[in-house]
N, C-alpha and C. Protein backbone atom coordinates (compact mmCIF):
# COMPACT_ATOMS: atom_id res chain seq x y z
N MET A 1 0.85 -1.20 0.00
CA MET A 1 0.00 0.00 0.00
C MET A 1 0.88 1.25 0.00
N ILE A 2 0.55 2.20 -0.85
CA ILE A 2 1.28 3.46 -0.91
C ILE A 2 0.60 4.49 -0.02
N SER A 3 1.37 5.06 0.90
CA SER A 3 0.86 6.07 1.82
C SER A 3 1.34 7.48 1.49
N LEU A 4 2.43 7.57 0.70
CA LEU A 4 3.04 8.86 0.41
C LEU A 4 3.55 8.87 -1.02
N ALA A 5 3.19 9.92 -1.76
CA ALA A 5 3.74 10.17 -3.10
C ALA A 5 4.71 11.35 -3.00
N VAL A 6 5.96 11.11 -3.36
CA VAL A 6 7.00 12.16 -3.34
C VAL A 6 7.30 12.51 -4.79
N LEU A 7 6.98 13.74 -5.16
CA LEU A 7 7.03 14.15 -6.56
C LEU A 7 7.98 15.33 -6.74
N ASP A 8 8.73 15.30 -7.81
CA ASP A 8 9.56 16.44 -8.21
C ASP A 8 8.66 17.59 -8.68
N ILE A 9 9.24 18.77 -8.80
CA ILE A 9 8.45 19.93 -9.27
C ILE A 9 8.67 20.15 -10.77
N ALA A 10 9.75 20.85 -11.16
CA ALA A 10 9.94 21.24 -12.56
C ALA A 10 10.06 20.03 -13.47
N GLY A 11 9.19 19.95 -14.47
CA GLY A 11 9.23 18.87 -15.43
C GLY A 11 8.44 17.64 -15.02
N THR A 12 8.02 17.61 -13.76
CA THR A 12 7.26 16.46 -13.25
C THR A 12 5.83 16.85 -12.90
N THR A 13 5.67 17.87 -12.06
CA THR A 13 4.34 18.38 -11.74
C THR A 13 4.07 19.74 -12.37
N VAL A 14 5.14 20.45 -12.72
CA VAL A 14 5.01 21.82 -13.23
C VAL A 14 5.70 21.95 -14.58
N ASP A 15 5.01 22.56 -15.52
CA ASP A 15 5.56 22.86 -16.84
C ASP A 15 6.15 24.26 -16.80
N GLU A 16 7.49 24.33 -16.89
CA GLU A 16 8.11 25.66 -16.91
C GLU A 16 9.01 25.81 -18.15
N LYS A 17 8.65 25.05 -19.20
CA LYS A 17 9.26 25.17 -20.53
C LYS A 17 10.78 24.99 -20.50
N ASN A 18 11.27 24.17 -19.58
CA ASN A 18 12.70 23.90 -19.47
C ASN A 18 13.51 25.13 -19.11
N ALA A 19 12.84 26.13 -18.53
CA ALA A 19 13.52 27.39 -18.23
C ALA A 19 14.68 27.21 -17.27
N VAL A 20 14.52 26.33 -16.28
CA VAL A 20 15.56 26.20 -15.26
C VAL A 20 16.88 25.78 -15.88
N TYR A 21 16.86 24.90 -16.85
CA TYR A 21 18.12 24.44 -17.44
C TYR A 21 18.67 25.44 -18.46
N ASP A 22 17.79 26.17 -19.14
CA ASP A 22 18.25 27.23 -20.02
C ASP A 22 18.95 28.32 -19.21
N VAL A 23 18.37 28.68 -18.07
CA VAL A 23 18.97 29.71 -17.22
C VAL A 23 20.27 29.20 -16.60
N LEU A 24 20.27 27.95 -16.15
CA LEU A 24 21.48 27.38 -15.58
C LEU A 24 22.62 27.41 -16.58
N ALA A 25 22.35 27.02 -17.81
CA ALA A 25 23.38 27.03 -18.85
C ALA A 25 23.87 28.44 -19.13
N ALA A 26 22.96 29.41 -19.12
CA ALA A 26 23.34 30.79 -19.38
C ALA A 26 24.22 31.35 -18.28
N VAL A 27 23.89 31.05 -17.03
CA VAL A 27 24.70 31.53 -15.90
C VAL A 27 26.10 30.92 -15.94
N VAL A 28 26.17 29.65 -16.25
CA VAL A 28 27.47 28.98 -16.36
C VAL A 28 28.29 29.59 -17.50
N ALA A 29 27.65 29.84 -18.63
CA ALA A 29 28.35 30.42 -19.77
C ALA A 29 28.84 31.83 -19.46
N ASP A 30 28.02 32.62 -18.78
CA ASP A 30 28.41 33.99 -18.43
C ASP A 30 29.59 34.02 -17.46
N HIS A 31 29.75 32.94 -16.71
CA HIS A 31 30.89 32.83 -15.80
C HIS A 31 32.19 32.54 -16.56
N GLY A 32 32.07 32.24 -17.84
CA GLY A 32 33.25 31.95 -18.64
C GLY A 32 33.58 30.48 -18.73
N THR A 33 32.62 29.65 -18.34
CA THR A 33 32.83 28.19 -18.37
C THR A 33 31.65 27.51 -19.05
N PRO A 34 31.42 27.81 -20.33
CA PRO A 34 30.24 27.24 -21.00
C PRO A 34 30.27 25.72 -20.96
N THR A 35 29.08 25.14 -20.88
CA THR A 35 28.95 23.70 -20.79
C THR A 35 28.22 23.16 -22.00
N ASP A 36 28.36 21.86 -22.23
CA ASP A 36 27.61 21.26 -23.33
C ASP A 36 26.38 20.56 -22.80
N ASP A 37 25.53 20.12 -23.72
CA ASP A 37 24.25 19.53 -23.32
C ASP A 37 24.45 18.26 -22.50
N ALA A 38 25.44 17.45 -22.86
CA ALA A 38 25.66 16.19 -22.14
C ALA A 38 26.01 16.45 -20.68
N ALA A 39 26.87 17.42 -20.43
CA ALA A 39 27.25 17.74 -19.05
C ALA A 39 26.06 18.30 -18.28
N LEU A 40 25.29 19.15 -18.93
CA LEU A 40 24.13 19.74 -18.27
C LEU A 40 23.11 18.67 -17.91
N ARG A 41 22.90 17.72 -18.78
CA ARG A 41 21.89 16.68 -18.55
C ARG A 41 22.25 15.82 -17.34
N ARG A 42 23.54 15.67 -17.07
CA ARG A 42 23.94 14.87 -15.90
C ARG A 42 23.52 15.53 -14.59
N TRP A 43 23.28 16.84 -14.63
CA TRP A 43 22.93 17.57 -13.41
C TRP A 43 21.46 17.94 -13.34
N MET A 44 20.66 17.42 -14.26
CA MET A 44 19.22 17.66 -14.21
C MET A 44 18.64 17.00 -12.97
N GLY A 45 17.90 17.77 -12.17
CA GLY A 45 17.30 17.26 -10.95
C GLY A 45 18.15 17.46 -9.72
N ALA A 46 19.39 17.95 -9.89
CA ALA A 46 20.30 18.11 -8.76
C ALA A 46 20.05 19.42 -8.02
N ASP A 47 20.60 19.49 -6.81
CA ASP A 47 20.66 20.75 -6.09
C ASP A 47 21.38 21.77 -6.97
N LYS A 48 20.81 22.95 -7.10
CA LYS A 48 21.35 23.89 -8.07
C LYS A 48 22.72 24.45 -7.66
N ARG A 49 22.98 24.56 -6.37
CA ARG A 49 24.31 24.97 -5.94
C ARG A 49 25.35 23.91 -6.30
N GLU A 50 25.00 22.65 -6.07
CA GLU A 50 25.91 21.57 -6.43
C GLU A 50 26.16 21.57 -7.93
N ALA A 51 25.11 21.78 -8.71
CA ALA A 51 25.25 21.80 -10.16
C ALA A 51 26.15 22.94 -10.61
N LEU A 52 25.95 24.12 -10.05
CA LEU A 52 26.76 25.28 -10.43
C LEU A 52 28.23 25.07 -10.09
N ALA A 53 28.51 24.51 -8.92
CA ALA A 53 29.89 24.24 -8.53
C ALA A 53 30.54 23.26 -9.50
N ALA A 54 29.81 22.20 -9.84
CA ALA A 54 30.37 21.17 -10.71
C ALA A 54 30.56 21.68 -12.14
N LEU A 55 29.59 22.42 -12.65
CA LEU A 55 29.63 22.84 -14.05
C LEU A 55 30.65 23.96 -14.30
N THR A 56 30.90 24.77 -13.27
CA THR A 56 31.87 25.85 -13.43
C THR A 56 33.26 25.47 -12.91
N GLY A 57 33.33 24.47 -12.04
CA GLY A 57 34.60 24.14 -11.40
C GLY A 57 35.07 25.23 -10.47
N ASP A 58 34.13 26.05 -9.98
CA ASP A 58 34.49 27.22 -9.15
C ASP A 58 33.59 27.25 -7.91
N PRO A 59 33.86 26.38 -6.92
CA PRO A 59 32.99 26.34 -5.74
C PRO A 59 32.99 27.64 -4.94
N ASP A 60 34.05 28.42 -5.05
CA ASP A 60 34.10 29.68 -4.30
C ASP A 60 33.09 30.70 -4.82
N ALA A 61 32.64 30.52 -6.06
CA ALA A 61 31.71 31.49 -6.66
C ALA A 61 30.26 31.04 -6.58
N VAL A 62 30.01 29.95 -5.87
CA VAL A 62 28.67 29.34 -5.92
C VAL A 62 27.58 30.29 -5.45
N GLU A 63 27.77 30.99 -4.36
CA GLU A 63 26.70 31.85 -3.86
C GLU A 63 26.40 32.99 -4.83
N GLU A 64 27.44 33.57 -5.40
CA GLU A 64 27.23 34.63 -6.40
C GLU A 64 26.52 34.07 -7.63
N LEU A 65 26.95 32.91 -8.07
CA LEU A 65 26.33 32.27 -9.23
C LEU A 65 24.88 31.91 -8.94
N HIS A 66 24.63 31.40 -7.74
CA HIS A 66 23.26 31.02 -7.40
C HIS A 66 22.35 32.24 -7.34
N SER A 67 22.84 33.34 -6.82
CA SER A 67 22.04 34.58 -6.79
C SER A 67 21.68 35.01 -8.20
N ALA A 68 22.66 34.91 -9.11
CA ALA A 68 22.39 35.27 -10.50
C ALA A 68 21.37 34.31 -11.11
N PHE A 69 21.49 33.04 -10.79
CA PHE A 69 20.54 32.03 -11.28
C PHE A 69 19.12 32.35 -10.80
N VAL A 70 18.97 32.65 -9.51
CA VAL A 70 17.65 32.94 -8.96
C VAL A 70 17.05 34.18 -9.62
N ASP A 71 17.85 35.24 -9.74
CA ASP A 71 17.36 36.48 -10.34
C ASP A 71 16.90 36.25 -11.78
N ARG A 72 17.71 35.55 -12.54
CA ARG A 72 17.38 35.34 -13.95
C ARG A 72 16.19 34.40 -14.11
N LEU A 73 16.08 33.44 -13.20
CA LEU A 73 14.94 32.53 -13.28
C LEU A 73 13.64 33.26 -12.97
N HIS A 74 13.66 34.14 -11.97
CA HIS A 74 12.47 34.94 -11.66
C HIS A 74 12.08 35.79 -12.87
N GLU A 75 13.07 36.39 -13.54
CA GLU A 75 12.78 37.20 -14.73
C GLU A 75 12.15 36.34 -15.82
N THR A 76 12.69 35.14 -15.99
CA THR A 76 12.17 34.24 -17.02
C THR A 76 10.76 33.79 -16.70
N TYR A 77 10.52 33.46 -15.43
CA TYR A 77 9.19 33.01 -15.03
C TYR A 77 8.14 34.12 -15.14
N ALA A 78 8.59 35.37 -15.12
CA ALA A 78 7.64 36.47 -15.31
C ALA A 78 7.10 36.50 -16.74
N THR A 79 7.89 35.94 -17.66
CA THR A 79 7.49 35.88 -19.07
C THR A 79 6.89 34.53 -19.43
N ILE A 80 7.57 33.48 -18.99
CA ILE A 80 7.11 32.10 -19.24
C ILE A 80 6.44 31.62 -17.97
N ARG A 81 5.15 31.78 -17.89
CA ARG A 81 4.44 31.47 -16.65
C ARG A 81 4.39 29.95 -16.41
N PRO A 82 4.99 29.48 -15.32
CA PRO A 82 4.86 28.06 -15.01
C PRO A 82 3.40 27.70 -14.75
N ALA A 83 3.05 26.48 -15.13
CA ALA A 83 1.67 26.00 -14.94
C ALA A 83 1.72 24.51 -14.61
N PRO A 84 0.69 24.00 -13.94
CA PRO A 84 0.65 22.56 -13.70
C PRO A 84 0.65 21.80 -15.01
N LEU A 85 1.36 20.69 -15.05
CA LEU A 85 1.29 19.82 -16.22
C LEU A 85 -0.12 19.22 -16.34
N PRO A 86 -0.53 18.85 -17.53
CA PRO A 86 -1.90 18.35 -17.71
C PRO A 86 -2.23 17.17 -16.79
N GLY A 87 -3.37 17.29 -16.14
CA GLY A 87 -3.86 16.23 -15.27
C GLY A 87 -3.25 16.19 -13.89
N VAL A 88 -2.26 17.04 -13.63
CA VAL A 88 -1.59 16.98 -12.32
C VAL A 88 -2.49 17.46 -11.18
N PRO A 89 -3.18 18.59 -11.28
CA PRO A 89 -4.05 18.98 -10.17
C PRO A 89 -5.08 17.90 -9.82
N GLU A 90 -5.63 17.28 -10.85
CA GLU A 90 -6.61 16.22 -10.62
C GLU A 90 -5.96 15.00 -9.97
N ALA A 91 -4.72 14.69 -10.37
CA ALA A 91 -4.01 13.56 -9.77
C ALA A 91 -3.69 13.82 -8.30
N LEU A 92 -3.25 15.02 -8.00
CA LEU A 92 -2.97 15.36 -6.60
C LEU A 92 -4.23 15.25 -5.76
N ALA A 93 -5.33 15.75 -6.28
CA ALA A 93 -6.61 15.70 -5.55
C ALA A 93 -7.05 14.25 -5.34
N ALA A 94 -6.87 13.41 -6.36
CA ALA A 94 -7.27 12.01 -6.25
C ALA A 94 -6.43 11.28 -5.22
N LEU A 95 -5.14 11.55 -5.21
CA LEU A 95 -4.25 10.91 -4.24
C LEU A 95 -4.64 11.29 -2.82
N ARG A 96 -4.83 12.58 -2.59
CA ARG A 96 -5.14 13.03 -1.23
C ARG A 96 -6.53 12.58 -0.79
N ALA A 97 -7.46 12.52 -1.73
CA ALA A 97 -8.81 12.03 -1.40
C ALA A 97 -8.78 10.57 -0.99
N ALA A 98 -7.80 9.81 -1.52
CA ALA A 98 -7.66 8.40 -1.19
C ALA A 98 -6.79 8.18 0.05
N GLY A 99 -6.35 9.27 0.68
CA GLY A 99 -5.54 9.15 1.89
C GLY A 99 -4.06 9.04 1.64
N VAL A 100 -3.63 9.23 0.38
CA VAL A 100 -2.20 9.22 0.06
C VAL A 100 -1.66 10.63 0.24
N ARG A 101 -0.68 10.79 1.12
CA ARG A 101 -0.08 12.10 1.32
C ARG A 101 0.79 12.46 0.12
N VAL A 102 0.90 13.76 -0.15
CA VAL A 102 1.64 14.24 -1.31
C VAL A 102 2.71 15.23 -0.85
N ALA A 103 3.96 14.94 -1.20
CA ALA A 103 5.07 15.85 -0.90
C ALA A 103 5.79 16.19 -2.20
N LEU A 104 6.20 17.43 -2.32
CA LEU A 104 7.02 17.86 -3.45
C LEU A 104 8.46 18.03 -2.98
N THR A 105 9.40 17.59 -3.82
CA THR A 105 10.82 17.80 -3.55
C THR A 105 11.44 18.50 -4.74
N THR A 106 12.50 19.27 -4.49
CA THR A 106 13.06 20.07 -5.57
C THR A 106 14.51 20.45 -5.30
N GLY A 107 15.27 20.61 -6.38
CA GLY A 107 16.61 21.13 -6.29
C GLY A 107 16.65 22.64 -6.15
N PHE A 108 15.50 23.30 -6.25
CA PHE A 108 15.41 24.73 -5.97
C PHE A 108 15.50 24.97 -4.47
N ASP A 109 15.84 26.21 -4.08
CA ASP A 109 15.70 26.57 -2.68
C ASP A 109 14.42 27.39 -2.53
N ARG A 110 14.17 27.88 -1.32
CA ARG A 110 12.90 28.56 -1.05
C ARG A 110 12.73 29.85 -1.84
N GLN A 111 13.85 30.49 -2.24
CA GLN A 111 13.75 31.72 -3.02
C GLN A 111 12.99 31.51 -4.32
N VAL A 112 13.12 30.33 -4.87
CA VAL A 112 12.42 30.00 -6.11
C VAL A 112 11.13 29.23 -5.82
N THR A 113 11.20 28.28 -4.90
CA THR A 113 10.09 27.35 -4.68
C THR A 113 8.84 28.05 -4.14
N ASP A 114 8.99 28.88 -3.13
CA ASP A 114 7.81 29.49 -2.51
C ASP A 114 7.03 30.38 -3.47
N PRO A 115 7.68 31.30 -4.21
CA PRO A 115 6.91 32.10 -5.18
C PRO A 115 6.30 31.25 -6.28
N LEU A 116 7.02 30.20 -6.70
CA LEU A 116 6.50 29.33 -7.76
C LEU A 116 5.22 28.64 -7.30
N LEU A 117 5.24 28.08 -6.09
CA LEU A 117 4.04 27.39 -5.60
C LEU A 117 2.91 28.38 -5.32
N ALA A 118 3.27 29.56 -4.85
CA ALA A 118 2.24 30.58 -4.60
C ALA A 118 1.55 30.98 -5.90
N ALA A 119 2.32 31.07 -6.98
CA ALA A 119 1.73 31.42 -8.28
C ALA A 119 0.77 30.34 -8.76
N LEU A 120 1.05 29.09 -8.38
CA LEU A 120 0.18 27.99 -8.75
C LEU A 120 -0.99 27.82 -7.79
N ARG A 121 -0.92 28.53 -6.66
CA ARG A 121 -1.90 28.43 -5.58
C ARG A 121 -1.90 27.03 -4.96
N TRP A 122 -0.73 26.45 -4.88
CA TRP A 122 -0.53 25.19 -4.18
C TRP A 122 0.06 25.48 -2.82
N ARG A 123 -0.49 24.88 -1.78
CA ARG A 123 0.02 25.15 -0.44
C ARG A 123 -0.06 23.90 0.42
N VAL A 124 0.85 23.84 1.38
CA VAL A 124 0.82 22.77 2.37
C VAL A 124 -0.43 22.94 3.23
N GLY A 125 -1.15 21.87 3.42
CA GLY A 125 -2.42 21.93 4.13
C GLY A 125 -3.59 22.09 3.19
N GLY A 126 -3.29 22.34 1.91
CA GLY A 126 -4.33 22.42 0.89
C GLY A 126 -4.13 21.31 -0.10
N GLU A 127 -3.41 21.62 -1.17
CA GLU A 127 -3.15 20.64 -2.22
C GLU A 127 -2.00 19.69 -1.86
N LEU A 128 -1.18 20.09 -0.90
CA LEU A 128 0.05 19.36 -0.57
C LEU A 128 0.12 19.06 0.92
N ASP A 129 0.95 18.07 1.24
CA ASP A 129 1.20 17.74 2.65
C ASP A 129 2.58 18.18 3.11
N ALA A 130 3.52 18.36 2.18
CA ALA A 130 4.87 18.78 2.54
C ALA A 130 5.61 19.24 1.30
N VAL A 131 6.59 20.12 1.51
CA VAL A 131 7.49 20.56 0.45
C VAL A 131 8.90 20.55 1.03
N VAL A 132 9.85 19.94 0.31
CA VAL A 132 11.22 19.84 0.78
C VAL A 132 12.16 20.35 -0.30
N CYS A 133 13.04 21.27 0.06
CA CYS A 133 14.07 21.79 -0.85
C CYS A 133 15.41 21.14 -0.54
N ALA A 134 16.24 20.98 -1.56
CA ALA A 134 17.54 20.34 -1.36
C ALA A 134 18.40 21.08 -0.36
N SER A 135 18.25 22.41 -0.29
CA SER A 135 19.06 23.21 0.62
C SER A 135 18.70 22.98 2.08
N GLU A 136 17.60 22.27 2.34
CA GLU A 136 17.14 22.05 3.71
C GLU A 136 17.60 20.71 4.28
N VAL A 137 18.29 19.93 3.48
CA VAL A 137 18.74 18.61 3.94
C VAL A 137 20.24 18.46 3.67
N ALA A 138 20.78 17.31 4.04
CA ALA A 138 22.23 17.13 3.98
C ALA A 138 22.78 17.04 2.57
N GLY A 139 21.93 16.73 1.60
CA GLY A 139 22.37 16.65 0.22
C GLY A 139 21.20 16.46 -0.72
N GLY A 140 21.38 16.91 -1.95
CA GLY A 140 20.32 16.77 -2.94
C GLY A 140 20.38 15.41 -3.62
N ARG A 141 19.60 15.25 -4.68
CA ARG A 141 19.61 14.02 -5.44
C ARG A 141 21.00 13.77 -6.05
N PRO A 142 21.47 12.55 -6.14
CA PRO A 142 20.74 11.29 -6.00
C PRO A 142 20.68 10.73 -4.57
N THR A 143 21.11 11.48 -3.56
CA THR A 143 20.94 10.98 -2.20
C THR A 143 19.45 10.95 -1.86
N PRO A 144 19.06 10.15 -0.87
CA PRO A 144 17.64 10.03 -0.53
C PRO A 144 17.18 11.02 0.52
N HIS A 145 18.00 12.01 0.85
CA HIS A 145 17.70 12.86 2.01
C HIS A 145 16.38 13.62 1.89
N MET A 146 16.06 14.13 0.70
CA MET A 146 14.79 14.86 0.57
C MET A 146 13.60 13.92 0.76
N ILE A 147 13.73 12.71 0.26
CA ILE A 147 12.64 11.73 0.43
C ILE A 147 12.48 11.38 1.90
N HIS A 148 13.60 11.15 2.57
CA HIS A 148 13.53 10.84 4.00
C HIS A 148 12.90 11.99 4.78
N ARG A 149 13.22 13.22 4.43
CA ARG A 149 12.63 14.37 5.12
C ARG A 149 11.13 14.45 4.83
N ALA A 150 10.73 14.17 3.60
CA ALA A 150 9.30 14.16 3.27
C ALA A 150 8.57 13.11 4.10
N MET A 151 9.21 11.97 4.31
CA MET A 151 8.62 10.92 5.14
C MET A 151 8.46 11.40 6.58
N GLU A 152 9.49 12.05 7.10
CA GLU A 152 9.42 12.58 8.47
C GLU A 152 8.28 13.58 8.62
N LEU A 153 8.16 14.48 7.64
CA LEU A 153 7.15 15.53 7.72
C LEU A 153 5.72 14.99 7.61
N THR A 154 5.57 13.84 6.97
CA THR A 154 4.23 13.29 6.75
C THR A 154 3.94 12.07 7.62
N GLY A 155 4.91 11.69 8.47
CA GLY A 155 4.67 10.60 9.40
C GLY A 155 4.69 9.21 8.79
N VAL A 156 5.36 9.06 7.65
CA VAL A 156 5.47 7.75 7.00
C VAL A 156 6.83 7.16 7.35
N THR A 157 6.85 5.96 7.89
CA THR A 157 8.11 5.37 8.35
C THR A 157 8.63 4.24 7.46
N ASP A 158 7.77 3.63 6.68
CA ASP A 158 8.16 2.49 5.86
C ASP A 158 8.38 2.93 4.42
N PRO A 159 9.62 2.87 3.90
CA PRO A 159 9.84 3.31 2.52
C PRO A 159 9.09 2.49 1.49
N ALA A 160 8.69 1.27 1.85
CA ALA A 160 7.90 0.45 0.93
C ALA A 160 6.54 1.08 0.64
N GLU A 161 6.10 2.00 1.52
CA GLU A 161 4.82 2.69 1.33
C GLU A 161 4.96 4.00 0.57
N VAL A 162 6.16 4.24 0.01
CA VAL A 162 6.44 5.51 -0.67
C VAL A 162 6.53 5.30 -2.18
N LEU A 163 5.87 6.17 -2.92
CA LEU A 163 6.03 6.26 -4.36
C LEU A 163 6.85 7.51 -4.66
N VAL A 164 7.89 7.37 -5.43
CA VAL A 164 8.71 8.51 -5.86
C VAL A 164 8.54 8.65 -7.36
N ALA A 165 8.32 9.87 -7.84
CA ALA A 165 8.19 10.10 -9.28
C ALA A 165 8.96 11.35 -9.67
N GLY A 166 9.68 11.26 -10.78
CA GLY A 166 10.41 12.41 -11.29
C GLY A 166 10.79 12.22 -12.74
N ASP A 167 11.27 13.31 -13.35
CA ASP A 167 11.54 13.31 -14.78
C ASP A 167 13.03 13.20 -15.11
N THR A 168 13.87 12.93 -14.11
CA THR A 168 15.31 12.84 -14.36
C THR A 168 15.89 11.54 -13.81
N ALA A 169 17.07 11.20 -14.32
CA ALA A 169 17.78 10.03 -13.82
C ALA A 169 18.08 10.17 -12.33
N LEU A 170 18.40 11.39 -11.89
CA LEU A 170 18.71 11.59 -10.47
C LEU A 170 17.48 11.36 -9.59
N ASP A 171 16.29 11.69 -10.08
CA ASP A 171 15.06 11.38 -9.34
C ASP A 171 14.94 9.88 -9.13
N VAL A 172 15.20 9.12 -10.18
CA VAL A 172 15.08 7.66 -10.10
C VAL A 172 16.12 7.10 -9.15
N ARG A 173 17.35 7.60 -9.25
CA ARG A 173 18.41 7.12 -8.35
C ARG A 173 18.08 7.42 -6.90
N ALA A 174 17.54 8.61 -6.64
CA ALA A 174 17.17 8.97 -5.27
C ALA A 174 16.07 8.06 -4.74
N GLY A 175 15.09 7.75 -5.60
CA GLY A 175 14.02 6.84 -5.18
C GLY A 175 14.54 5.47 -4.82
N HIS A 176 15.45 4.95 -5.64
CA HIS A 176 16.05 3.64 -5.32
C HIS A 176 16.87 3.73 -4.03
N ALA A 177 17.62 4.82 -3.87
CA ALA A 177 18.45 4.97 -2.67
C ALA A 177 17.61 5.00 -1.40
N ALA A 178 16.39 5.53 -1.53
CA ALA A 178 15.48 5.59 -0.38
C ALA A 178 14.78 4.26 -0.12
N GLY A 179 14.88 3.33 -1.06
CA GLY A 179 14.17 2.06 -0.92
C GLY A 179 12.69 2.18 -1.16
N ALA A 180 12.28 3.17 -1.97
CA ALA A 180 10.85 3.41 -2.20
C ALA A 180 10.19 2.21 -2.86
N GLY A 181 8.94 1.96 -2.48
CA GLY A 181 8.20 0.83 -3.03
C GLY A 181 7.94 0.96 -4.51
N ILE A 182 7.69 2.17 -4.97
CA ILE A 182 7.51 2.45 -6.40
C ILE A 182 8.43 3.61 -6.76
N VAL A 183 9.21 3.43 -7.81
CA VAL A 183 10.08 4.50 -8.32
C VAL A 183 9.70 4.70 -9.79
N ALA A 184 8.94 5.75 -10.05
CA ALA A 184 8.39 5.99 -11.38
C ALA A 184 9.14 7.12 -12.08
N ALA A 185 9.53 6.87 -13.32
CA ALA A 185 10.07 7.92 -14.17
C ALA A 185 8.92 8.44 -15.03
N VAL A 186 8.86 9.76 -15.18
CA VAL A 186 7.82 10.35 -16.02
C VAL A 186 8.46 11.04 -17.22
N LEU A 187 7.73 11.06 -18.33
CA LEU A 187 8.27 11.51 -19.61
C LEU A 187 7.89 12.95 -19.94
N THR A 188 7.54 13.74 -18.92
CA THR A 188 7.11 15.12 -19.15
C THR A 188 8.24 16.13 -19.07
N GLY A 189 9.46 15.67 -18.74
CA GLY A 189 10.59 16.57 -18.59
C GLY A 189 11.54 16.51 -19.77
N ALA A 190 12.79 16.87 -19.50
CA ALA A 190 13.77 17.03 -20.57
C ALA A 190 14.50 15.75 -20.92
N GLN A 191 14.46 14.74 -20.05
CA GLN A 191 15.22 13.53 -20.32
C GLN A 191 14.37 12.51 -21.08
N THR A 192 15.05 11.67 -21.85
CA THR A 192 14.36 10.75 -22.75
C THR A 192 13.98 9.46 -22.04
N ARG A 193 13.11 8.71 -22.70
CA ARG A 193 12.74 7.39 -22.16
C ARG A 193 13.97 6.52 -21.98
N ALA A 194 14.90 6.54 -22.95
CA ALA A 194 16.09 5.71 -22.86
C ALA A 194 16.96 6.11 -21.67
N GLU A 195 17.14 7.42 -21.46
CA GLU A 195 17.93 7.89 -20.34
C GLU A 195 17.31 7.45 -19.01
N LEU A 196 16.01 7.54 -18.92
CA LEU A 196 15.32 7.18 -17.68
C LEU A 196 15.28 5.67 -17.49
N ALA A 197 15.00 4.93 -18.55
CA ALA A 197 14.92 3.48 -18.44
C ALA A 197 16.25 2.86 -18.03
N ALA A 198 17.36 3.53 -18.37
CA ALA A 198 18.68 3.03 -18.00
C ALA A 198 18.87 2.97 -16.49
N GLU A 199 18.08 3.75 -15.76
CA GLU A 199 18.18 3.77 -14.29
C GLU A 199 17.28 2.72 -13.64
N LYS A 200 16.57 1.95 -14.45
CA LYS A 200 15.71 0.86 -13.99
C LYS A 200 14.64 1.31 -12.99
N PRO A 201 13.81 2.29 -13.37
CA PRO A 201 12.65 2.62 -12.54
C PRO A 201 11.70 1.44 -12.51
N THR A 202 10.86 1.39 -11.51
CA THR A 202 9.86 0.31 -11.48
C THR A 202 8.80 0.52 -12.54
N HIS A 203 8.57 1.79 -12.90
CA HIS A 203 7.57 2.12 -13.93
C HIS A 203 8.07 3.33 -14.72
N VAL A 204 7.72 3.38 -15.99
CA VAL A 204 7.89 4.58 -16.81
C VAL A 204 6.49 5.02 -17.23
N LEU A 205 6.12 6.24 -16.83
CA LEU A 205 4.77 6.75 -17.07
C LEU A 205 4.82 7.95 -18.01
N ASP A 206 3.73 8.16 -18.72
CA ASP A 206 3.65 9.37 -19.54
C ASP A 206 3.69 10.62 -18.67
N GLY A 207 3.13 10.54 -17.47
CA GLY A 207 3.15 11.70 -16.58
C GLY A 207 2.54 11.38 -15.23
N VAL A 208 2.60 12.33 -14.33
CA VAL A 208 2.03 12.19 -12.99
C VAL A 208 0.53 11.91 -13.07
N ALA A 209 -0.11 12.39 -14.12
CA ALA A 209 -1.56 12.15 -14.28
C ALA A 209 -1.90 10.66 -14.29
N ASP A 210 -0.90 9.81 -14.59
CA ASP A 210 -1.15 8.36 -14.65
C ASP A 210 -1.00 7.68 -13.29
N ILE A 211 -0.56 8.40 -12.26
CA ILE A 211 -0.28 7.74 -10.98
C ILE A 211 -1.55 7.21 -10.31
N PRO A 212 -2.66 7.95 -10.25
CA PRO A 212 -3.85 7.38 -9.62
C PRO A 212 -4.26 6.03 -10.22
N ALA A 213 -4.21 5.92 -11.54
CA ALA A 213 -4.59 4.65 -12.17
C ALA A 213 -3.58 3.57 -11.82
N LEU A 214 -2.30 3.93 -11.75
CA LEU A 214 -1.27 2.97 -11.36
C LEU A 214 -1.57 2.38 -9.98
N LEU A 215 -2.10 3.22 -9.10
CA LEU A 215 -2.40 2.79 -7.74
C LEU A 215 -3.81 2.22 -7.60
N GLY A 216 -4.55 2.17 -8.70
CA GLY A 216 -5.89 1.64 -8.66
C GLY A 216 -6.91 2.55 -8.01
N LEU A 217 -6.67 3.86 -8.09
CA LEU A 217 -7.57 4.83 -7.45
C LEU A 217 -8.64 5.30 -8.44
């Protein structure tokens, strides 16, 4: 039985037109260390500070780079309005109506996450049961720390009762690291079916909208 669904934000529950990775690449390039698509794809789903340090090779500049990333992402989101992916609001409602708690996890910090969720009118105690940012735990994906924190916040102790879903290889790795009962890759983000299938998720879904049916709800 699944008691908790732990879902990624960008590319999994929210359509933001791949803005986060476009902005990340631009910030890295402006630093004088342009990256290629293959390197960028390896950091999809990661804590953004960790990604910036790795992609630039300049850990001393991470806070400055992250501030630039946040500022530029806010500017981009003012033009490209993030919206729920098709069927996601209905899926969240169906899960919670069936007693399945819903937590969102993200490589964003609160500077990005809180305004983004407010724009969607998603809130803890309403549409959600918990939200966890990578900056609030000991490490981002592929470690299981965000999933473990979501379990703590929602009172779920058995990882076999947890469903993890995300659109990146790192989401799948984190789900396996947590020992989640279901680790689902979704095809609504930037990574391909082949990239996701290589991580051996328990399921590959077209999107989060398919989760209620997967659980027989």
